Amino acid sequence: MTANNMPDAEIVITTDLVRDLLREQHQDLADQPIGTIVHGWDNAVVRVGDRLAVRLPRREQASALLENEQRWLPAMAERLPLSIPSPLRVGEPSTALRYPWRWSVIPWFRGHSAIDAPPTDPSAAARTLGAFLSTMHQPAAADAPKNPHRGGPLPDRNEVTRRYLLQFRDLFPAPKLEALGRCWDRALAAAPWSGSPRWLHGDLHPGNLVVDDGKLTAVIDFGDITAGDPATDLGVAWMLFDDVSVRSSFFEAAGVGADTKPDRATRRRAQGWALSIGAAMYAHSANSPEMAIGGRRALQRVLACV
């Protein structure tokens, strides 16, 4: 398989830059201990003191995504049953420091990603996460963000998903790759979402779920927040849960039953999203062992259902 590297940073984020930005704009935080910087695909996050973190775009494309978080997350945080990184303070571009984008001070959530530390009680986590999505998946505002890669018709993912599958000859033998292809075909054939666009996290996988003391406590990284088909988020069922009955509990808590044609179609599209996003995670995991593990698990769980 040919894996893809994380894109290069257009602005190199350093602890000195973070401290200087705080000193310039939030002086009361400037003397707090600065932790190690974690570099993601779009943003860098650095812990500040015991309870806070700074989240900064590392490339221009991510700046608008972070501004979406700043606009929409505060109101969502008031009604969602799990913690989310709603900005507590907003940082502005700095001419003096040559940092051109807005940035955020957000809560720091103790714990580990659900890839590194899965919930100890999957059934409880399924109910918790399902309830979270049931609450989040409300009709979206007319001016909600539009993400071209999330929330739209599943066939829009066809070309890129098939391209990913062709790269996985070292991961699955040919019969299993063919089975994944058949699963993808069935997902594409499911009836499309016909309801109003719903609020979506947009990138809901175990790497963006925080587990502390065995319990699911927070959902992070809303950079892909958008509106559209809730099946996009519901694909997390195959990314996080091994057991079929646990996945059923998750869907029931999320308000997606198994007795109606629309709900069955939503579950089928969700499985397609799990396959597509899991394939993307694995294909782009050259410098992220965590993403490789998460993507491989998603594909294996989908395959187990074929």
Protein backbone atom coordinates (compact mmCIF):
# COMPACT_ATOMS: atom_id res chain seq x y z
CA MET A 1 0.00 0.00 0.00
CA THR A 2 1.20 3.52 -0.76
CA ALA A 3 0.31 5.66 2.25
CA ASN A 4 0.08 9.44 2.13
CA ASN A 5 1.84 11.78 4.50
CA MET A 6 0.28 14.58 6.50
CA PRO A 7 0.47 17.86 4.52
CA ASP A 8 3.33 20.19 5.41
CA ALA A 9 2.61 23.08 7.74
CA GLU A 10 2.44 26.48 6.07
CA ILE A 11 3.19 28.09 9.42
CA VAL A 12 5.45 26.19 11.83
CA ILE A 13 3.74 26.16 15.23
CA THR A 14 6.20 26.35 18.13
CA THR A 15 5.80 26.73 21.86
CA ASP A 16 7.47 30.14 21.57
CA LEU A 17 4.84 31.25 19.06
CA VAL A 18 2.02 30.03 21.33
CA ARG A 19 3.45 31.84 24.34
CA ASP A 20 4.01 35.03 22.36
CA LEU A 21 0.42 34.96 21.06
CA LEU A 22 -0.87 34.51 24.59
CA ARG A 23 1.36 37.30 25.87
CA GLU A 24 0.09 39.59 23.11
CA GLN A 25 -3.63 38.82 23.41
CA HIS A 26 -4.38 36.86 26.61
CA GLN A 27 -1.75 38.01 29.06
CA ASP A 28 -3.30 36.26 32.07
CA LEU A 29 -2.52 32.88 30.41
CA ALA A 30 0.99 33.69 29.21
CA ASP A 31 2.77 32.40 32.32
CA GLN A 32 1.00 29.03 32.34
CA PRO A 33 3.12 25.93 31.54
CA ILE A 34 3.12 25.14 27.82
CA GLY A 35 2.92 21.46 26.94
CA THR A 36 4.01 19.44 23.94
CA ILE A 37 2.47 20.42 20.62
CA VAL A 38 0.34 17.80 18.85
CA HIS A 39 0.29 18.37 15.10
CA GLY A 40 -2.85 17.24 13.31
CA TRP A 41 -3.79 17.24 9.64
CA ASP A 42 -5.10 20.82 9.79
CA ASN A 43 -4.38 22.20 13.24
CA ALA A 44 -1.89 22.08 16.07
CA VAL A 45 -3.02 21.75 19.69
CA VAL A 46 -0.89 22.57 22.71
CA ARG A 47 -1.81 22.19 26.34
CA VAL A 48 -1.72 25.36 28.45
CA GLY A 49 -1.69 24.79 32.19
CA ASP A 50 -3.93 22.05 33.61
CA ARG A 51 -7.27 22.89 32.04
CA LEU A 52 -6.76 24.69 28.74
CA ALA A 53 -5.28 24.19 25.29
CA VAL A 54 -4.58 26.42 22.30
CA ARG A 55 -5.77 25.26 18.88
CA LEU A 56 -4.15 26.92 15.87
CA PRO A 57 -4.42 26.30 12.12
CA ARG A 58 -1.15 25.11 10.61
CA ARG A 59 -2.23 25.81 7.04
CA GLU A 60 -4.55 28.32 5.39
CA GLN A 61 -7.14 25.76 4.31
CA ALA A 62 -7.86 25.00 7.96
CA SER A 63 -8.44 28.60 9.01
CA ALA A 64 -12.04 28.72 7.79
CA LEU A 65 -12.74 25.38 9.49
CA LEU A 66 -11.54 26.71 12.82
CA GLU A 67 -13.72 29.79 12.38
CA ASN A 68 -16.70 27.45 11.89
CA GLU A 69 -15.91 25.96 15.29
CA GLN A 70 -15.74 29.41 16.82
CA ARG A 71 -19.10 30.38 15.38
CA TRP A 72 -21.18 27.26 15.94
CA LEU A 73 -19.81 25.27 18.87
CA PRO A 74 -20.68 27.60 21.77
CA ALA A 75 -24.44 27.18 21.25
CA MET A 76 -24.09 23.44 20.66
CA ALA A 77 -22.09 22.93 23.84
CA GLU A 78 -25.05 24.10 25.90
CA ARG A 79 -27.27 21.22 24.77
CA LEU A 80 -24.98 18.30 23.97
CA PRO A 81 -24.65 15.51 26.59
CA LEU A 82 -20.87 15.09 26.13
CA SER A 83 -18.18 17.73 26.42
CA ILE A 84 -16.96 19.37 23.22
CA PRO A 85 -14.06 21.81 22.65
CA SER A 86 -16.17 24.94 22.44
CA PRO A 87 -13.81 27.95 22.28
CA LEU A 88 -13.47 29.74 25.59
CA ARG A 89 -11.50 32.60 24.04
CA VAL A 90 -10.72 33.67 20.49
CA GLY A 91 -7.30 34.71 19.26
CA GLU A 92 -6.84 37.09 16.37
CA PRO A 93 -4.22 37.15 13.60
CA SER A 94 -0.98 38.80 14.66
CA THR A 95 0.94 41.01 12.26
CA ALA A 96 3.77 41.43 14.73
CA LEU A 97 4.21 37.67 15.13
CA ARG A 98 3.49 36.91 11.46
CA TYR A 99 0.68 34.55 12.32
CA PRO A 100 -2.15 35.23 9.83
CA TRP A 101 -5.17 33.29 11.16
CA ARG A 102 -7.63 33.26 14.03
CA TRP A 103 -7.03 30.70 16.79
CA SER A 104 -8.82 29.43 19.88
CA VAL A 105 -8.33 28.75 23.56
CA ILE A 106 -10.32 25.59 24.29
CA PRO A 107 -10.83 23.22 27.24
CA TRP A 108 -8.28 20.46 27.77
CA PHE A 109 -9.94 17.07 28.21
CA ARG A 110 -8.13 14.51 30.31
CA GLY A 111 -7.92 11.01 28.86
CA HIS A 112 -6.94 9.23 25.66
CA SER A 113 -8.45 8.68 22.24
CA ALA A 114 -10.80 5.74 21.84
CA ILE A 115 -8.27 4.20 19.45
CA ASP A 116 -5.64 4.01 22.18
CA ALA A 117 -8.06 3.32 25.04
CA PRO A 118 -11.45 1.93 23.94
CA PRO A 119 -14.34 2.26 26.43
CA THR A 120 -14.34 -0.52 29.00
CA ASP A 121 -18.14 -0.90 28.73
CA PRO A 122 -18.98 -0.81 25.02
CA SER A 123 -22.74 -1.07 25.65
CA ALA A 124 -22.72 2.00 27.88
CA ALA A 125 -20.53 3.87 25.39
CA ALA A 126 -22.90 2.94 22.56
CA ARG A 127 -25.88 4.37 24.42
CA THR A 128 -23.94 7.50 25.38
CA LEU A 129 -22.63 8.18 21.89
CA GLY A 130 -25.98 7.37 20.30
CA ALA A 131 -27.72 9.85 22.60
CA PHE A 132 -25.09 12.46 21.76
CA LEU A 133 -25.78 12.08 18.04
CA SER A 134 -29.54 12.03 18.54
CA THR A 135 -29.19 15.41 20.23
CA MET A 136 -26.73 16.80 17.70
CA HIS A 137 -28.50 15.62 14.54
CA GLN A 138 -31.12 18.36 14.57
CA PRO A 139 -32.12 20.35 11.47
CA ALA A 140 -29.22 22.63 10.63
CA ALA A 141 -29.31 26.37 10.18
CA ALA A 142 -29.77 27.64 6.64
CA ASP A 143 -26.26 29.13 6.73
CA ALA A 144 -24.59 26.05 8.23
CA PRO A 145 -21.15 25.21 6.80
CA LYS A 146 -21.08 23.16 3.62
CA ASN A 147 -18.31 20.56 3.59
CA PRO A 148 -17.79 19.06 0.11
CA HIS A 149 -16.35 15.84 1.58
CA ARG A 150 -18.88 15.06 4.34
CA GLY A 151 -22.63 14.85 4.60
CA GLY A 152 -23.42 14.65 0.90
CA PRO A 153 -24.68 11.75 -1.23
CA LEU A 154 -22.60 8.63 -0.68
CA PRO A 155 -21.98 8.14 -4.43
CA ASP A 156 -19.90 11.33 -4.30
CA ARG A 157 -17.34 9.21 -2.41
CA ASN A 158 -17.27 6.43 -4.99
CA GLU A 159 -14.17 7.36 -6.99
CA VAL A 160 -11.93 8.08 -4.01
CA THR A 161 -13.15 5.06 -2.04
CA ARG A 162 -12.49 2.62 -4.88
CA ARG A 163 -9.07 4.17 -5.35
CA TYR A 164 -8.29 3.56 -1.68
CA LEU A 165 -9.43 -0.06 -1.89
CA LEU A 166 -7.07 -0.69 -4.78
CA GLN A 167 -4.18 0.30 -2.51
CA PHE A 168 -4.95 -2.36 0.12
CA ARG A 169 -3.66 -5.50 -1.54
CA ASP A 170 -1.20 -5.98 1.34
CA LEU A 171 -3.95 -5.61 3.95
CA PHE A 172 -6.61 -7.98 2.57
CA PRO A 173 -6.41 -10.95 0.20
CA ALA A 174 -8.28 -10.60 -3.07
CA PRO A 175 -11.51 -12.39 -1.93
CA LYS A 176 -11.85 -10.05 1.04
CA LEU A 177 -11.17 -6.97 -1.07
CA GLU A 178 -13.88 -8.17 -3.42
CA ALA A 179 -16.21 -8.57 -0.44
CA LEU A 180 -15.49 -4.99 0.63
CA GLY A 181 -16.31 -3.90 -2.90
CA ARG A 182 -19.65 -5.69 -2.72
CA CYS A 183 -20.38 -4.05 0.63
CA TRP A 184 -19.62 -0.68 -0.93
CA ASP A 185 -21.92 -1.46 -3.87
CA ARG A 186 -24.79 -2.25 -1.46
CA ALA A 187 -24.22 0.99 0.43
CA LEU A 188 -24.30 2.95 -2.83
CA ALA A 189 -27.58 1.26 -3.74
CA ALA A 190 -29.30 2.33 -0.50
CA ALA A 191 -31.97 5.00 -0.76
CA PRO A 192 -30.46 8.47 -0.25
CA TRP A 193 -31.23 10.76 2.67
CA SER A 194 -34.47 12.59 1.93
CA GLY A 195 -34.84 14.66 5.08
CA SER A 196 -33.66 18.17 5.81
CA PRO A 197 -29.90 18.64 6.31
CA ARG A 198 -28.90 17.82 9.89
CA TRP A 199 -26.02 19.14 11.95
CA LEU A 200 -23.05 16.77 11.65
CA HIS A 201 -19.72 16.43 13.38
CA GLY A 202 -18.37 15.41 9.98
CA ASP A 203 -15.26 13.50 11.10
CA LEU A 204 -16.56 11.21 13.82
CA HIS A 205 -14.08 8.38 14.33
CA PRO A 206 -12.46 6.92 17.46
CA GLY A 207 -9.48 9.25 17.19
CA ASN A 208 -11.86 12.12 17.90
CA LEU A 209 -13.51 10.48 20.93
CA VAL A 210 -11.99 10.97 24.38
CA VAL A 211 -12.10 8.15 26.93
CA ASP A 212 -11.22 8.82 30.56
CA ASP A 213 -11.24 6.12 33.23
CA GLY A 214 -12.88 3.77 30.75
CA LYS A 215 -15.79 6.08 29.96
CA LEU A 216 -16.56 8.15 26.90
CA THR A 217 -16.34 11.77 28.09
CA ALA A 218 -15.80 14.12 25.14
CA VAL A 219 -16.02 14.52 21.37
CA ILE A 220 -13.30 16.67 19.82
CA ASP A 221 -12.12 18.16 16.50
CA PHE A 222 -15.20 19.72 14.91
CA GLY A 223 -13.24 21.21 12.01
CA ASP A 224 -15.40 19.31 9.51
CA ILE A 225 -18.70 20.42 11.08
CA THR A 226 -21.31 20.59 8.36
CA ALA A 227 -24.92 19.83 7.47
CA GLY A 228 -26.29 16.85 5.59
CA ASP A 229 -26.97 13.13 5.87
CA PRO A 230 -26.64 11.85 9.48
CA ALA A 231 -25.34 8.52 8.14
CA THR A 232 -21.97 10.28 7.80
CA ASP A 233 -21.59 10.37 11.59
CA LEU A 234 -23.38 7.09 12.24
CA GLY A 235 -20.60 5.20 10.48
CA VAL A 236 -18.73 5.43 13.78
CA ALA A 237 -20.74 2.36 14.84
CA TRP A 238 -18.35 0.14 12.85
CA MET A 239 -15.30 2.17 13.78
CA LEU A 240 -15.80 1.78 17.52
CA PHE A 241 -17.89 -1.32 18.28
CA ASP A 242 -17.16 -4.97 17.52
CA ASP A 243 -20.43 -6.53 18.63
CA VAL A 244 -23.52 -6.44 16.42
CA SER A 245 -25.86 -6.09 19.40
CA VAL A 246 -23.83 -3.14 20.71
CA ARG A 247 -24.09 -1.44 17.32
CA SER A 248 -27.85 -2.02 17.43
CA SER A 249 -28.00 -0.32 20.84
CA PHE A 250 -26.04 2.59 19.41
CA PHE A 251 -28.45 3.03 16.50
CA GLU A 252 -31.49 2.78 18.77
CA ALA A 253 -30.06 5.47 21.07
CA ALA A 254 -29.36 7.59 18.00
CA GLY A 255 -33.01 7.29 16.95
CA VAL A 256 -32.38 5.06 13.95
CA GLY A 257 -34.44 1.88 14.24
CA ALA A 258 -34.37 -1.23 12.10
CA ASP A 259 -38.05 -1.60 11.24
CA THR A 260 -38.56 1.03 8.54
CA LYS A 261 -37.12 1.25 5.06
CA PRO A 262 -35.67 4.76 5.62
CA ASP A 263 -33.90 3.63 8.81
CA ARG A 264 -32.56 0.49 7.19
CA ALA A 265 -31.26 2.61 4.31
CA THR A 266 -29.61 4.98 6.79
CA ARG A 267 -27.85 2.07 8.48
CA ARG A 268 -26.65 0.79 5.12
CA ARG A 269 -25.31 4.20 4.13
CA ALA A 270 -23.66 4.48 7.55
CA GLN A 271 -21.82 1.23 6.88
CA GLY A 272 -20.68 2.71 3.59
CA TRP A 273 -19.41 5.82 5.35
CA ALA A 274 -17.53 3.62 7.84
CA LEU A 275 -15.88 1.81 4.93
CA SER A 276 -15.02 5.02 3.09
CA ILE A 277 -13.69 6.97 6.08
CA GLY A 278 -11.89 3.91 7.45
CA ALA A 279 -10.21 3.48 4.08
CA ALA A 280 -9.21 7.17 4.06
CA MET A 281 -7.77 6.90 7.58
CA TYR A 282 -5.66 3.92 6.63
CA ALA A 283 -4.55 5.39 3.31
CA HIS A 284 -3.37 8.62 4.98
CA SER A 285 -1.64 7.04 7.96
CA ALA A 286 2.02 7.06 6.89
CA ASN A 287 3.06 9.14 9.89
CA SER A 288 0.20 8.24 12.24
CA PRO A 289 0.16 4.71 13.65
CA GLU A 290 -3.04 5.62 15.51
CA MET A 291 -4.86 6.39 12.26
CA ALA A 292 -3.56 3.16 10.72
CA ILE A 293 -5.00 1.17 13.62
CA GLY A 294 -8.32 3.00 13.51
CA GLY A 295 -8.72 2.64 9.76
CA ARG A 296 -7.78 -1.04 9.76
CA ARG A 297 -10.24 -1.82 12.56
CA ALA A 298 -13.06 -0.07 10.71
CA LEU A 299 -12.42 -2.05 7.54
CA GLN A 300 -12.20 -5.32 9.43
CA ARG A 301 -15.48 -4.71 11.23
CA VAL A 302 -17.24 -3.82 8.00
CA LEU A 303 -15.79 -6.92 6.40
CA ALA A 304 -17.06 -9.08 9.26
CA CYS A 305 -20.61 -8.05 8.33
CA VAL A 306 -20.29 -9.00 4.66
